[in-house]
Amino acid sequence: MWKGEKFTAILGPRRVGKTSVLRTFLNHYRYPYLYYDLSPYIGLTGVSSQVLIPVLIGFEMSKLSRKTQLSLGILKLNFNFKVERGIEFENAMINLLREVNEKYERFLLIFDEAQMLAFVRGVNMMGLLQMIHNTLDNVVVIMTGSMPRLLENMLSSFIQ
């Protein structure tokens, strides 16, 4: 399972059980993960980077270095400033992903309703996804989406 796979998508109409399937998978296999829920922002054409706060953290944070624990703390905070928030988020996410890539054989980065990433302002999400694709062999991105065409268009630039 997961041999060489970097991205997995669970697609379907709203309210058919994509998230339930994902959570059942997480409970059964117990992979370490970081989970973002973007479903509250469906329908918006611009989303602040402040919404990028993990709603579930499925790994032991104490196993991380102090620097990475600080990075995770930054990811969990809801900042009141905007411009710096995107840069802080990107740096914190890169620090965290590099370390979990080294510490875990498999680490899951999950975006529920991932098509909303296309509308997040202030963070280069495509750059982060590209970095995962190119350099982080042990990080798998799982995306759910109720707008498959939008998600496919967003990801087609580098997943071919």
C-alpha atoms as a PDB file:
ATOM      1  CA  MET A   1       0.000   0.000   0.000  1.00  0.00           C
ATOM      2  CA  TRP A   2       1.183   3.549  -0.798  1.00  0.00           C
ATOM      3  CA  LYS A   3       4.197   2.400  -2.846  1.00  0.00           C
ATOM      4  CA  GLY A   4       5.368   5.536  -4.590  1.00  0.00           C
ATOM      5  CA  GLU A   5       1.977   7.194  -4.283  1.00  0.00           C
ATOM      6  CA  LYS A   6       2.157  10.818  -3.167  1.00  0.00           C
ATOM      7  CA  PHE A   7      -1.422  11.972  -3.703  1.00  0.00           C
ATOM      8  CA  THR A   8      -4.718  10.214  -3.119  1.00  0.00           C
ATOM      9  CA  ALA A   9      -8.154  11.676  -3.770  1.00  0.00           C
ATOM     10  CA  ILE A  10     -11.548  10.703  -2.428  1.00  0.00           C
ATOM     11  CA  LEU A  11     -14.086  12.323  -4.725  1.00  0.00           C
ATOM     12  CA  GLY A  12     -17.861  12.475  -4.707  1.00  0.00           C
ATOM     13  CA  PRO A  13     -20.862  14.734  -4.222  1.00  0.00           C
ATOM     14  CA  ARG A  14     -21.360  16.542  -0.943  1.00  0.00           C
ATOM     15  CA  ARG A  15     -22.688  14.523   1.962  1.00  0.00           C
ATOM     16  CA  VAL A  16     -22.071  11.030   0.516  1.00  0.00           C
ATOM     17  CA  GLY A  17     -19.615   9.959   3.206  1.00  0.00           C
ATOM     18  CA  LYS A  18     -16.133  10.872   1.913  1.00  0.00           C
ATOM     19  CA  THR A  19     -15.044  12.191   5.299  1.00  0.00           C
ATOM     20  CA  SER A  20     -16.528   9.169   7.080  1.00  0.00           C
ATOM     21  CA  VAL A  21     -14.577   6.820   4.818  1.00  0.00           C
ATOM     22  CA  LEU A  22     -11.413   8.820   5.476  1.00  0.00           C
ATOM     23  CA  ARG A  23     -11.872   8.827   9.251  1.00  0.00           C
ATOM     24  CA  THR A  24     -12.570   5.091   9.245  1.00  0.00           C
ATOM     25  CA  PHE A  25      -9.339   4.589   7.326  1.00  0.00           C
ATOM     26  CA  LEU A  26      -7.411   6.767   9.814  1.00  0.00           C
ATOM     27  CA  ASN A  27      -8.835   4.879  12.802  1.00  0.00           C
ATOM     28  CA  HIS A  28      -8.071   1.499  11.246  1.00  0.00           C
ATOM     29  CA  TYR A  29      -4.533   2.051   9.948  1.00  0.00           C
ATOM     30  CA  ARG A  30      -3.241   4.493  12.590  1.00  0.00           C
ATOM     31  CA  TYR A  31      -0.875   6.356  10.291  1.00  0.00           C
ATOM     32  CA  PRO A  32       0.369   9.639  11.768  1.00  0.00           C
ATOM     33  CA  TYR A  33      -1.452  12.581  10.202  1.00  0.00           C
ATOM     34  CA  LEU A  34      -2.320  16.256  10.128  1.00  0.00           C
ATOM     35  CA  TYR A  35      -5.913  17.020   9.099  1.00  0.00           C
ATOM     36  CA  TYR A  36      -7.311  20.261   7.649  1.00  0.00           C
ATOM     37  CA  ASP A  37     -11.063  20.726   7.139  1.00  0.00           C
ATOM     38  CA  LEU A  38     -11.840  23.323   4.467  1.00  0.00           C
ATOM     39  CA  SER A  39     -15.522  22.431   4.102  1.00  0.00           C
ATOM     40  CA  PRO A  40     -16.799  25.535   5.957  1.00  0.00           C
ATOM     41  CA  TYR A  41     -15.384  27.693   3.148  1.00  0.00           C
ATOM     42  CA  ILE A  42     -17.107  26.028   0.189  1.00  0.00           C
ATOM     43  CA  GLY A  43     -18.693  28.631  -2.027  1.00  0.00           C
ATOM     44  CA  LEU A  44     -16.270  31.419  -1.191  1.00  0.00           C
ATOM     45  CA  THR A  45     -14.082  32.813  -3.965  1.00  0.00           C
ATOM     46  CA  GLY A  46     -11.376  34.051  -1.619  1.00  0.00           C
ATOM     47  CA  VAL A  47     -10.291  32.463   1.624  1.00  0.00           C
ATOM     48  CA  SER A  48      -7.882  33.983   4.133  1.00  0.00           C
ATOM     49  CA  SER A  49      -4.797  31.948   4.966  1.00  0.00           C
ATOM     50  CA  GLN A  50      -5.995  32.178   8.576  1.00  0.00           C
ATOM     51  CA  VAL A  51      -8.338  29.242   7.910  1.00  0.00           C
ATOM     52  CA  LEU A  52      -5.365  26.895   7.524  1.00  0.00           C
ATOM     53  CA  ILE A  53      -5.438  25.573  11.055  1.00  0.00           C
ATOM     54  CA  PRO A  54      -5.313  21.796  11.583  1.00  0.00           C
ATOM     55  CA  VAL A  55      -8.496  20.485  13.138  1.00  0.00           C
ATOM     56  CA  LEU A  56      -7.002  17.084  13.988  1.00  0.00           C
ATOM     57  CA  ILE A  57      -3.434  16.150  14.852  1.00  0.00           C
ATOM     58  CA  GLY A  58      -3.000  12.388  14.725  1.00  0.00           C
ATOM     59  CA  PHE A  59       0.567  11.884  15.907  1.00  0.00           C
ATOM     60  CA  GLU A  60       2.654  12.249  19.043  1.00  0.00           C
ATOM     61  CA  MET A  61       3.961  15.818  19.032  1.00  0.00           C
ATOM     62  CA  SER A  62       6.496  15.064  21.767  1.00  0.00           C
ATOM     63  CA  LYS A  63       8.499  12.965  19.280  1.00  0.00           C
ATOM     64  CA  LEU A  64       9.320  16.110  17.321  1.00  0.00           C
ATOM     65  CA  SER A  65      12.302  18.382  17.873  1.00  0.00           C
ATOM     66  CA  ARG A  66      11.702  21.627  19.774  1.00  0.00           C
ATOM     67  CA  LYS A  67      12.028  23.619  16.537  1.00  0.00           C
ATOM     68  CA  THR A  68       9.353  21.504  14.857  1.00  0.00           C
ATOM     69  CA  GLN A  69       7.110  21.625  17.922  1.00  0.00           C
ATOM     70  CA  LEU A  70       7.298  25.393  17.613  1.00  0.00           C
ATOM     71  CA  SER A  71       6.421  25.081  13.918  1.00  0.00           C
ATOM     72  CA  LEU A  72       3.390  22.995  14.790  1.00  0.00           C
ATOM     73  CA  GLY A  73       2.435  25.604  17.389  1.00  0.00           C
ATOM     74  CA  ILE A  74       2.535  28.261  14.669  1.00  0.00           C
ATOM     75  CA  LEU A  75       0.287  26.107  12.477  1.00  0.00           C
ATOM     76  CA  LYS A  76      -2.210  25.790  15.332  1.00  0.00           C
ATOM     77  CA  LEU A  77      -2.426  29.528  16.067  1.00  0.00           C
ATOM     78  CA  ASN A  78      -4.958  31.851  14.519  1.00  0.00           C
ATOM     79  CA  PHE A  79      -3.017  35.039  13.846  1.00  0.00           C
ATOM     80  CA  ASN A  80      -4.620  38.448  13.628  1.00  0.00           C
ATOM     81  CA  PHE A  81      -2.180  39.708  11.017  1.00  0.00           C
ATOM     82  CA  LYS A  82      -2.390  38.740   7.372  1.00  0.00           C
ATOM     83  CA  VAL A  83       0.698  39.254   5.207  1.00  0.00           C
ATOM     84  CA  GLU A  84       3.186  37.696   7.593  1.00  0.00           C
ATOM     85  CA  ARG A  85       0.800  34.842   8.394  1.00  0.00           C
ATOM     86  CA  GLY A  86       1.246  33.248   4.967  1.00  0.00           C
ATOM     87  CA  ILE A  87       5.025  33.283   5.174  1.00  0.00           C
ATOM     88  CA  GLU A  88       4.971  32.032   8.766  1.00  0.00           C
ATOM     89  CA  PHE A  89       2.587  29.242   7.763  1.00  0.00           C
ATOM     90  CA  GLU A  90       4.744  28.171   4.805  1.00  0.00           C
ATOM     91  CA  ASN A  91       7.959  28.109   6.860  1.00  0.00           C
ATOM     92  CA  ALA A  92       6.298  26.241   9.715  1.00  0.00           C
ATOM     93  CA  MET A  93       4.726  23.710   7.343  1.00  0.00           C
ATOM     94  CA  ILE A  94       8.034  23.099   5.548  1.00  0.00           C
ATOM     95  CA  ASN A  95       9.857  22.578   8.877  1.00  0.00           C
ATOM     96  CA  LEU A  96       7.189  20.180  10.076  1.00  0.00           C
ATOM     97  CA  LEU A  97       6.961  18.198   6.838  1.00  0.00           C
ATOM     98  CA  ARG A  98      10.725  17.777   6.546  1.00  0.00           C
ATOM     99  CA  GLU A  99      10.970  16.385  10.053  1.00  0.00           C
ATOM    100  CA  VAL A 100       7.985  14.027   9.838  1.00  0.00           C
ATOM    101  CA  ASN A 101       9.350  12.834   6.498  1.00  0.00           C
ATOM    102  CA  GLU A 102      12.523  11.770   8.347  1.00  0.00           C
ATOM    103  CA  LYS A 103      10.858  10.382  11.477  1.00  0.00           C
ATOM    104  CA  TYR A 104       7.958   8.426   9.986  1.00  0.00           C
ATOM    105  CA  GLU A 105       7.848   5.772   7.312  1.00  0.00           C
ATOM    106  CA  ARG A 106       4.510   7.226   6.208  1.00  0.00           C
ATOM    107  CA  PHE A 107       2.890  10.533   7.230  1.00  0.00           C
ATOM    108  CA  LEU A 108      -0.485  11.741   5.939  1.00  0.00           C
ATOM    109  CA  LEU A 109      -1.289  15.377   5.187  1.00  0.00           C
ATOM    110  CA  ILE A 110      -5.053  15.571   4.749  1.00  0.00           C
ATOM    111  CA  PHE A 111      -7.163  18.299   3.194  1.00  0.00           C
ATOM    112  CA  ASP A 112     -10.922  17.774   3.415  1.00  0.00           C
ATOM    113  CA  GLU A 113     -12.630  19.631   0.526  1.00  0.00           C
ATOM    114  CA  ALA A 114      -9.204  20.309  -0.937  1.00  0.00           C
ATOM    115  CA  GLN A 115     -10.519  22.220  -3.950  1.00  0.00           C
ATOM    116  CA  MET A 116     -10.761  25.188  -1.587  1.00  0.00           C
ATOM    117  CA  LEU A 117      -6.944  25.361  -1.517  1.00  0.00           C
ATOM    118  CA  ALA A 118      -7.201  27.098  -4.893  1.00  0.00           C
ATOM    119  CA  PHE A 119      -8.893  30.045  -3.163  1.00  0.00           C
ATOM    120  CA  VAL A 120      -6.557  30.455  -0.182  1.00  0.00           C
ATOM    121  CA  ARG A 121      -4.792  33.824  -0.280  1.00  0.00           C
ATOM    122  CA  GLY A 122      -1.366  34.522   1.135  1.00  0.00           C
ATOM    123  CA  VAL A 123       0.053  30.983   1.042  1.00  0.00           C
ATOM    124  CA  ASN A 124       1.712  29.272  -1.909  1.00  0.00           C
ATOM    125  CA  MET A 125      -0.116  25.962  -1.499  1.00  0.00           C
ATOM    126  CA  MET A 126       0.851  24.789  -4.974  1.00  0.00           C
ATOM    127  CA  GLY A 127       4.500  25.345  -4.069  1.00  0.00           C
ATOM    128  CA  LEU A 128       4.089  23.323  -0.872  1.00  0.00           C
ATOM    129  CA  LEU A 129       2.370  20.516  -2.751  1.00  0.00           C
ATOM    130  CA  GLN A 130       5.102  20.617  -5.390  1.00  0.00           C
ATOM    131  CA  MET A 131       7.763  20.331  -2.680  1.00  0.00           C
ATOM    132  CA  ILE A 132       5.993  17.308  -1.199  1.00  0.00           C
ATOM    133  CA  HIS A 133       5.728  15.720  -4.625  1.00  0.00           C
ATOM    134  CA  ASN A 134       9.385  16.303  -5.490  1.00  0.00           C
ATOM    135  CA  THR A 135      11.274  15.804  -2.226  1.00  0.00           C
ATOM    136  CA  LEU A 136       9.293  14.207   0.602  1.00  0.00           C
ATOM    137  CA  ASP A 137       9.116  10.489  -0.068  1.00  0.00           C
ATOM    138  CA  ASN A 138       7.316   9.578   3.162  1.00  0.00           C
ATOM    139  CA  VAL A 139       4.580  12.222   3.041  1.00  0.00           C
ATOM    140  CA  VAL A 140       1.305  11.317   1.366  1.00  0.00           C
ATOM    141  CA  VAL A 141      -1.323  13.965   0.656  1.00  0.00           C
ATOM    142  CA  ILE A 142      -4.931  12.815   0.895  1.00  0.00           C
ATOM    143  CA  MET A 143      -7.574  15.125  -0.491  1.00  0.00           C
ATOM    144  CA  THR A 144     -11.307  14.841  -0.418  1.00  0.00           C
ATOM    145  CA  GLY A 145     -13.331  16.865  -2.836  1.00  0.00           C
ATOM    146  CA  SER A 146     -16.909  17.425  -3.862  1.00  0.00           C
ATOM    147  CA  MET A 147     -15.832  19.449  -6.907  1.00  0.00           C
ATOM    148  CA  PRO A 148     -13.644  16.961  -8.787  1.00  0.00           C
ATOM    149  CA  ARG A 149     -13.096  19.107 -11.891  1.00  0.00           C
ATOM    150  CA  LEU A 150     -11.848  22.060  -9.844  1.00  0.00           C
ATOM    151  CA  LEU A 151      -9.541  19.812  -7.821  1.00  0.00           C
ATOM    152  CA  GLU A 152      -8.245  18.129 -10.975  1.00  0.00           C
ATOM    153  CA  ASN A 153      -7.547  21.485 -12.630  1.00  0.00           C
ATOM    154  CA  MET A 154      -5.743  22.729  -9.549  1.00  0.00           C
ATOM    155  CA  LEU A 155      -3.473  19.688  -9.365  1.00  0.00           C
ATOM    156  CA  SER A 156      -2.917  19.014 -13.053  1.00  0.00           C
ATOM    157  CA  SER A 157      -0.091  21.537 -13.248  1.00  0.00           C
ATOM    158  CA  PHE A 158       2.369  19.159 -11.584  1.00  0.00           C
ATOM    159  CA  ILE A 159       0.800  15.696 -11.251  1.00  0.00           C
ATOM    160  CA  GLN A 160       1.156  14.097 -14.659  1.00  0.00           C
END
